[in-house]
Amino acid sequence: MPNLNRPAPSLFARAALTLAAMAVAGAALAEPEVSLKTTMGEIVIDLNHEAAPKTVDNFLRYVKSGFYKGTVFHRVIDGFMIQGGGLTDKLVQKPTNKPIPNESKNGLSNQPYTISMAREDHPDSATSQFFINVGDNSGLDYPGPKGNGGYTVFGKVVKGQDVVDKIAKVVVDDIHGLQNVPVTPVVIKSASVIKSSEAVK
């Protein structure tokens, strides 16, 4: 039986409880963010786990294992994209985990400053390599330029767009059989998961 002598919570108390519950729910739904510190500056990426859960989990495994440290942006095409996440500064391919399923049919588009998975012709061949779109590359969206599945967008740059632009404009050449390679290596010095409050100042 309820205690009728117990005072009811005040309006302010109820409001405080509601705000606290909303804050907890917001924290639970917060998407992870990753900081890529490069030799040309920091790029912070907000990952969309809701839209591309397998892709984000795969990317975070590489981040947390330290895989990206010392890798380079090895393919740069101004007005199109900057690609990295698989080769060392000597342009040696690092061993990767197994490929992941394509999640390009997720409603996200390859717009400027979004990040997507690089892959081979087969749609389910992405491993560690990614690219950051510099231009409007919606032609890469599902179903893809050849109807082969498209390229999975899994996040967007929320800090360091100027760094992306600087990388896109570096001098490139054909090196060791690879095209559009920066003449001066653009190295990822570290990749780490950060809190949202630390990302945008």
C-alpha atoms as a PDB file:
ATOM      1  CA  MET A   1       0.000   0.000   0.000  1.00  0.00           C
ATOM      2  CA  PRO A   2       1.448   3.381  -0.943  1.00  0.00           C
ATOM      3  CA  ASN A   3       2.662   5.717   1.806  1.00  0.00           C
ATOM      4  CA  LEU A   4       0.251   8.631   1.502  1.00  0.00           C
ATOM      5  CA  ASN A   5       2.291  10.663   3.962  1.00  0.00           C
ATOM      6  CA  ARG A   6       5.394  10.561   1.718  1.00  0.00           C
ATOM      7  CA  PRO A   7       5.720  13.823  -0.238  1.00  0.00           C
ATOM      8  CA  ALA A   8       5.487  13.497  -4.036  1.00  0.00           C
ATOM      9  CA  PRO A   9       8.664  14.305  -5.981  1.00  0.00           C
ATOM     10  CA  SER A  10       8.815  17.958  -6.927  1.00  0.00           C
ATOM     11  CA  LEU A  11       8.535  19.049 -10.559  1.00  0.00           C
ATOM     12  CA  PHE A  12      12.229  19.956 -10.513  1.00  0.00           C
ATOM     13  CA  ALA A  13      13.182  16.544  -9.131  1.00  0.00           C
ATOM     14  CA  ARG A  14      11.175  14.755 -11.812  1.00  0.00           C
ATOM     15  CA  ALA A  15      12.726  16.940 -14.501  1.00  0.00           C
ATOM     16  CA  ALA A  16      16.207  16.189 -13.159  1.00  0.00           C
ATOM     17  CA  LEU A  17      15.496  12.449 -13.225  1.00  0.00           C
ATOM     18  CA  THR A  18      14.200  12.704 -16.788  1.00  0.00           C
ATOM     19  CA  LEU A  19      17.288  14.630 -17.936  1.00  0.00           C
ATOM     20  CA  ALA A  20      19.548  12.114 -16.223  1.00  0.00           C
ATOM     21  CA  ALA A  21      17.783   9.238 -17.971  1.00  0.00           C
ATOM     22  CA  MET A  22      18.097  11.035 -21.314  1.00  0.00           C
ATOM     23  CA  ALA A  23      21.793  11.610 -20.712  1.00  0.00           C
ATOM     24  CA  VAL A  24      22.348   7.928 -19.968  1.00  0.00           C
ATOM     25  CA  ALA A  25      20.416   6.933 -23.082  1.00  0.00           C
ATOM     26  CA  GLY A  26      22.369   9.444 -25.161  1.00  0.00           C
ATOM     27  CA  ALA A  27      25.654   8.102 -23.856  1.00  0.00           C
ATOM     28  CA  ALA A  28      24.613   4.572 -24.701  1.00  0.00           C
ATOM     29  CA  LEU A  29      23.710   5.604 -28.251  1.00  0.00           C
ATOM     30  CA  ALA A  30      26.809   7.749 -28.831  1.00  0.00           C
ATOM     31  CA  GLU A  31      28.789   6.638 -31.854  1.00  0.00           C
ATOM     32  CA  PRO A  32      32.530   5.983 -31.449  1.00  0.00           C
ATOM     33  CA  GLU A  33      35.087   8.445 -32.783  1.00  0.00           C
ATOM     34  CA  VAL A  34      38.618   7.745 -33.950  1.00  0.00           C
ATOM     35  CA  SER A  35      41.577  10.094 -34.146  1.00  0.00           C
ATOM     36  CA  LEU A  36      44.111   9.591 -36.943  1.00  0.00           C
ATOM     37  CA  LYS A  37      47.236  11.603 -36.199  1.00  0.00           C
ATOM     38  CA  THR A  38      49.197  12.018 -39.420  1.00  0.00           C
ATOM     39  CA  THR A  39      52.369  13.798 -40.428  1.00  0.00           C
ATOM     40  CA  MET A  40      50.120  16.521 -41.873  1.00  0.00           C
ATOM     41  CA  GLY A  41      47.779  16.895 -38.903  1.00  0.00           C
ATOM     42  CA  GLU A  42      44.919  15.205 -37.060  1.00  0.00           C
ATOM     43  CA  ILE A  43      41.760  13.786 -38.625  1.00  0.00           C
ATOM     44  CA  VAL A  44      38.855  12.874 -36.334  1.00  0.00           C
ATOM     45  CA  ILE A  45      36.248  10.457 -37.690  1.00  0.00           C
ATOM     46  CA  ASP A  46      32.766   9.890 -36.294  1.00  0.00           C
ATOM     47  CA  LEU A  47      31.852   6.258 -36.986  1.00  0.00           C
ATOM     48  CA  ASN A  48      28.308   5.171 -37.826  1.00  0.00           C
ATOM     49  CA  HIS A  49      27.930   1.823 -36.085  1.00  0.00           C
ATOM     50  CA  GLU A  50      24.170   1.849 -36.528  1.00  0.00           C
ATOM     51  CA  ALA A  51      24.416   1.977 -40.322  1.00  0.00           C
ATOM     52  CA  ALA A  52      27.512  -0.216 -40.796  1.00  0.00           C
ATOM     53  CA  PRO A  53      28.048  -2.361 -37.663  1.00  0.00           C
ATOM     54  CA  LYS A  54      30.320  -5.032 -39.174  1.00  0.00           C
ATOM     55  CA  THR A  55      32.427  -2.440 -40.976  1.00  0.00           C
ATOM     56  CA  VAL A  56      32.843  -0.255 -37.885  1.00  0.00           C
ATOM     57  CA  ASP A  57      33.686  -3.244 -35.685  1.00  0.00           C
ATOM     58  CA  ASN A  58      36.297  -4.330 -38.240  1.00  0.00           C
ATOM     59  CA  PHE A  59      37.810  -0.827 -38.418  1.00  0.00           C
ATOM     60  CA  LEU A  60      37.933  -0.541 -34.630  1.00  0.00           C
ATOM     61  CA  ARG A  61      39.731  -3.890 -34.348  1.00  0.00           C
ATOM     62  CA  TYR A  62      42.479  -2.565 -36.587  1.00  0.00           C
ATOM     63  CA  VAL A  63      42.592   0.728 -34.665  1.00  0.00           C
ATOM     64  CA  LYS A  64      42.793  -0.903 -31.236  1.00  0.00           C
ATOM     65  CA  SER A  65      45.462  -3.388 -32.338  1.00  0.00           C
ATOM     66  CA  GLY A  66      47.773  -0.593 -33.476  1.00  0.00           C
ATOM     67  CA  PHE A  67      47.645  -1.848 -37.066  1.00  0.00           C
ATOM     68  CA  TYR A  68      47.404   1.595 -38.649  1.00  0.00           C
ATOM     69  CA  LYS A  69      50.446   3.044 -36.909  1.00  0.00           C
ATOM     70  CA  GLY A  70      53.138   3.598 -39.523  1.00  0.00           C
ATOM     71  CA  THR A  71      50.845   3.044 -42.515  1.00  0.00           C
ATOM     72  CA  VAL A  72      50.530   5.700 -45.206  1.00  0.00           C
ATOM     73  CA  PHE A  73      48.031   7.318 -47.498  1.00  0.00           C
ATOM     74  CA  HIS A  74      49.369   5.524 -50.548  1.00  0.00           C
ATOM     75  CA  ARG A  75      46.855   6.654 -53.189  1.00  0.00           C
ATOM     76  CA  VAL A  76      45.830  10.297 -53.471  1.00  0.00           C
ATOM     77  CA  ILE A  77      43.688  11.789 -56.243  1.00  0.00           C
ATOM     78  CA  ASP A  78      42.742  15.425 -55.733  1.00  0.00           C
ATOM     79  CA  GLY A  79      39.027  16.002 -56.209  1.00  0.00           C
ATOM     80  CA  PHE A  80      38.313  12.302 -55.696  1.00  0.00           C
ATOM     81  CA  MET A  81      39.682  10.682 -52.544  1.00  0.00           C
ATOM     82  CA  ILE A  82      42.666   9.854 -50.329  1.00  0.00           C
ATOM     83  CA  GLN A  83      43.274   6.152 -49.601  1.00  0.00           C
ATOM     84  CA  GLY A  84      45.314   4.494 -46.874  1.00  0.00           C
ATOM     85  CA  GLY A  85      45.372   1.908 -44.133  1.00  0.00           C
ATOM     86  CA  GLY A  86      47.284  -0.988 -45.632  1.00  0.00           C
ATOM     87  CA  LEU A  87      50.820  -0.142 -46.750  1.00  0.00           C
ATOM     88  CA  THR A  88      53.931   0.901 -44.832  1.00  0.00           C
ATOM     89  CA  ASP A  89      56.052   3.916 -45.783  1.00  0.00           C
ATOM     90  CA  LYS A  90      58.120   1.482 -47.873  1.00  0.00           C
ATOM     91  CA  LEU A  91      54.880   0.620 -49.750  1.00  0.00           C
ATOM     92  CA  VAL A  92      54.860  -2.905 -48.346  1.00  0.00           C
ATOM     93  CA  GLN A  93      51.419  -4.441 -47.833  1.00  0.00           C
ATOM     94  CA  LYS A  94      50.737  -5.417 -44.213  1.00  0.00           C
ATOM     95  CA  PRO A  95      49.045  -8.770 -43.478  1.00  0.00           C
ATOM     96  CA  THR A  96      45.353  -8.308 -42.698  1.00  0.00           C
ATOM     97  CA  ASN A  97      42.431 -10.084 -41.095  1.00  0.00           C
ATOM     98  CA  LYS A  98      39.805 -11.864 -43.176  1.00  0.00           C
ATOM     99  CA  PRO A  99      37.627  -9.774 -45.544  1.00  0.00           C
ATOM    100  CA  ILE A 100      34.289  -8.493 -44.299  1.00  0.00           C
ATOM    101  CA  PRO A 101      30.787  -8.411 -45.839  1.00  0.00           C
ATOM    102  CA  ASN A 102      29.849  -5.361 -47.891  1.00  0.00           C
ATOM    103  CA  GLU A 103      27.422  -3.015 -46.096  1.00  0.00           C
ATOM    104  CA  SER A 104      27.066  -0.372 -48.811  1.00  0.00           C
ATOM    105  CA  LYS A 105      23.263  -0.674 -48.916  1.00  0.00           C
ATOM    106  CA  ASN A 106      22.909   1.341 -45.718  1.00  0.00           C
ATOM    107  CA  GLY A 107      21.545   4.674 -46.926  1.00  0.00           C
ATOM    108  CA  LEU A 108      24.867   6.521 -46.539  1.00  0.00           C
ATOM    109  CA  SER A 109      26.425   8.257 -49.534  1.00  0.00           C
ATOM    110  CA  ASN A 110      30.047   8.821 -50.597  1.00  0.00           C
ATOM    111  CA  GLN A 111      29.917  12.562 -50.054  1.00  0.00           C
ATOM    112  CA  PRO A 112      32.885  14.852 -49.274  1.00  0.00           C
ATOM    113  CA  TYR A 113      34.634  13.977 -45.982  1.00  0.00           C
ATOM    114  CA  THR A 114      32.872  10.640 -45.530  1.00  0.00           C
ATOM    115  CA  ILE A 115      35.030   7.551 -44.989  1.00  0.00           C
ATOM    116  CA  SER A 116      34.473   4.301 -46.895  1.00  0.00           C
ATOM    117  CA  MET A 117      36.060   0.900 -47.196  1.00  0.00           C
ATOM    118  CA  ALA A 118      38.432   0.259 -50.091  1.00  0.00           C
ATOM    119  CA  ARG A 119      38.194  -3.170 -51.667  1.00  0.00           C
ATOM    120  CA  GLU A 120      38.892  -5.263 -54.735  1.00  0.00           C
ATOM    121  CA  ASP A 121      36.318  -6.061 -57.446  1.00  0.00           C
ATOM    122  CA  HIS A 122      34.440  -8.540 -55.263  1.00  0.00           C
ATOM    123  CA  PRO A 123      32.047  -6.629 -52.968  1.00  0.00           C
ATOM    124  CA  ASP A 124      32.978  -8.711 -49.897  1.00  0.00           C
ATOM    125  CA  SER A 125      36.755  -8.186 -50.168  1.00  0.00           C
ATOM    126  CA  ALA A 126      37.395  -5.188 -47.859  1.00  0.00           C
ATOM    127  CA  THR A 127      39.976  -5.689 -45.105  1.00  0.00           C
ATOM    128  CA  SER A 128      41.941  -2.790 -43.593  1.00  0.00           C
ATOM    129  CA  GLN A 129      42.157  -0.174 -46.333  1.00  0.00           C
ATOM    130  CA  PHE A 130      39.833   2.825 -46.366  1.00  0.00           C
ATOM    131  CA  PHE A 131      39.422   6.053 -48.270  1.00  0.00           C
ATOM    132  CA  ILE A 132      38.160   9.507 -47.383  1.00  0.00           C
ATOM    133  CA  ASN A 133      36.071  11.118 -50.086  1.00  0.00           C
ATOM    134  CA  VAL A 134      37.212  14.550 -51.231  1.00  0.00           C
ATOM    135  CA  GLY A 135      34.550  15.088 -53.903  1.00  0.00           C
ATOM    136  CA  ASP A 136      30.946  14.034 -54.455  1.00  0.00           C
ATOM    137  CA  ASN A 137      31.450  10.347 -55.224  1.00  0.00           C
ATOM    138  CA  SER A 138      27.826   9.232 -55.055  1.00  0.00           C
ATOM    139  CA  GLY A 139      28.553   7.092 -58.119  1.00  0.00           C
ATOM    140  CA  LEU A 140      30.309   4.731 -55.697  1.00  0.00           C
ATOM    141  CA  ASP A 141      27.131   4.203 -53.672  1.00  0.00           C
ATOM    142  CA  TYR A 142      25.100   0.992 -53.843  1.00  0.00           C
ATOM    143  CA  PRO A 143      24.666  -0.671 -56.356  1.00  0.00           C
ATOM    144  CA  GLY A 144      28.046   0.645 -57.517  1.00  0.00           C
ATOM    145  CA  PRO A 145      29.518   1.798 -60.829  1.00  0.00           C
ATOM    146  CA  LYS A 146      29.442  -1.727 -62.277  1.00  0.00           C
ATOM    147  CA  GLY A 147      26.514  -2.988 -60.256  1.00  0.00           C
ATOM    148  CA  ASN A 148      29.016  -4.807 -58.060  1.00  0.00           C
ATOM    149  CA  GLY A 149      27.776  -3.689 -54.667  1.00  0.00           C
ATOM    150  CA  GLY A 150      29.133  -0.188 -54.191  1.00  0.00           C
ATOM    151  CA  TYR A 151      31.515   1.018 -51.492  1.00  0.00           C
ATOM    152  CA  THR A 152      30.543   1.040 -47.822  1.00  0.00           C
ATOM    153  CA  VAL A 153      30.381   4.433 -46.124  1.00  0.00           C
ATOM    154  CA  PHE A 154      30.855   3.997 -42.370  1.00  0.00           C
ATOM    155  CA  GLY A 155      31.557   7.439 -40.953  1.00  0.00           C
ATOM    156  CA  LYS A 156      32.496  11.052 -41.565  1.00  0.00           C
ATOM    157  CA  VAL A 157      35.299  13.457 -40.738  1.00  0.00           C
ATOM    158  CA  VAL A 158      34.185  15.822 -37.966  1.00  0.00           C
ATOM    159  CA  LYS A 159      37.529  17.499 -37.389  1.00  0.00           C
ATOM    160  CA  GLY A 160      40.482  17.948 -39.715  1.00  0.00           C
ATOM    161  CA  GLN A 161      38.712  18.530 -43.015  1.00  0.00           C
ATOM    162  CA  ASP A 162      41.518  20.998 -43.760  1.00  0.00           C
ATOM    163  CA  VAL A 163      44.026  18.188 -43.196  1.00  0.00           C
ATOM    164  CA  VAL A 164      42.156  15.990 -45.678  1.00  0.00           C
ATOM    165  CA  ASP A 165      42.275  18.855 -48.191  1.00  0.00           C
ATOM    166  CA  LYS A 166      46.016  19.319 -47.666  1.00  0.00           C
ATOM    167  CA  ILE A 167      46.699  15.617 -48.177  1.00  0.00           C
ATOM    168  CA  ALA A 168      44.573  15.653 -51.342  1.00  0.00           C
ATOM    169  CA  LYS A 169      46.844  18.303 -52.860  1.00  0.00           C
ATOM    170  CA  VAL A 170      50.262  16.713 -52.236  1.00  0.00           C
ATOM    171  CA  VAL A 171      52.559  15.958 -55.168  1.00  0.00           C
ATOM    172  CA  VAL A 172      52.091  12.374 -56.397  1.00  0.00           C
ATOM    173  CA  ASP A 173      53.869  10.071 -58.812  1.00  0.00           C
ATOM    174  CA  ASP A 174      53.944   6.443 -59.952  1.00  0.00           C
ATOM    175  CA  ILE A 175      56.172   4.540 -57.530  1.00  0.00           C
ATOM    176  CA  HIS A 176      56.960   0.808 -57.393  1.00  0.00           C
ATOM    177  CA  GLY A 177      54.163   0.037 -59.815  1.00  0.00           C
ATOM    178  CA  LEU A 178      51.579   1.999 -57.833  1.00  0.00           C
ATOM    179  CA  GLN A 179      49.842   5.089 -59.183  1.00  0.00           C
ATOM    180  CA  ASN A 180      49.125   8.417 -57.475  1.00  0.00           C
ATOM    181  CA  VAL A 181      51.539   7.809 -54.595  1.00  0.00           C
ATOM    182  CA  PRO A 182      52.550  10.880 -52.528  1.00  0.00           C
ATOM    183  CA  VAL A 183      56.204  11.693 -53.258  1.00  0.00           C
ATOM    184  CA  THR A 184      56.645  12.656 -49.603  1.00  0.00           C
ATOM    185  CA  PRO A 185      54.974   9.915 -47.514  1.00  0.00           C
ATOM    186  CA  VAL A 186      51.909  10.966 -45.526  1.00  0.00           C
ATOM    187  CA  VAL A 187      52.192   8.695 -42.494  1.00  0.00           C
ATOM    188  CA  ILE A 188      49.563   7.771 -39.912  1.00  0.00           C
ATOM    189  CA  LYS A 189      51.542   8.190 -36.687  1.00  0.00           C
ATOM    190  CA  SER A 190      48.748   6.837 -34.492  1.00  0.00           C
ATOM    191  CA  ALA A 191      45.104   5.786 -34.568  1.00  0.00           C
ATOM    192  CA  SER A 192      43.069   5.747 -31.373  1.00  0.00           C
ATOM    193  CA  VAL A 193      39.483   5.700 -30.114  1.00  0.00           C
ATOM    194  CA  ILE A 194      38.601   8.978 -28.392  1.00  0.00           C
ATOM    195  CA  LYS A 195      35.656  10.370 -26.460  1.00  0.00           C
ATOM    196  CA  SER A 196      33.223  12.643 -28.258  1.00  0.00           C
ATOM    197  CA  SER A 197      33.926  15.477 -25.819  1.00  0.00           C
ATOM    198  CA  GLU A 198      37.598  15.366 -26.767  1.00  0.00           C
ATOM    199  CA  ALA A 199      36.968  15.383 -30.501  1.00  0.00           C
ATOM    200  CA  VAL A 200      35.369  18.724 -31.285  1.00  0.00           C
ATOM    201  CA  LYS A 201      36.649  21.794 -29.478  1.00  0.00           C
END
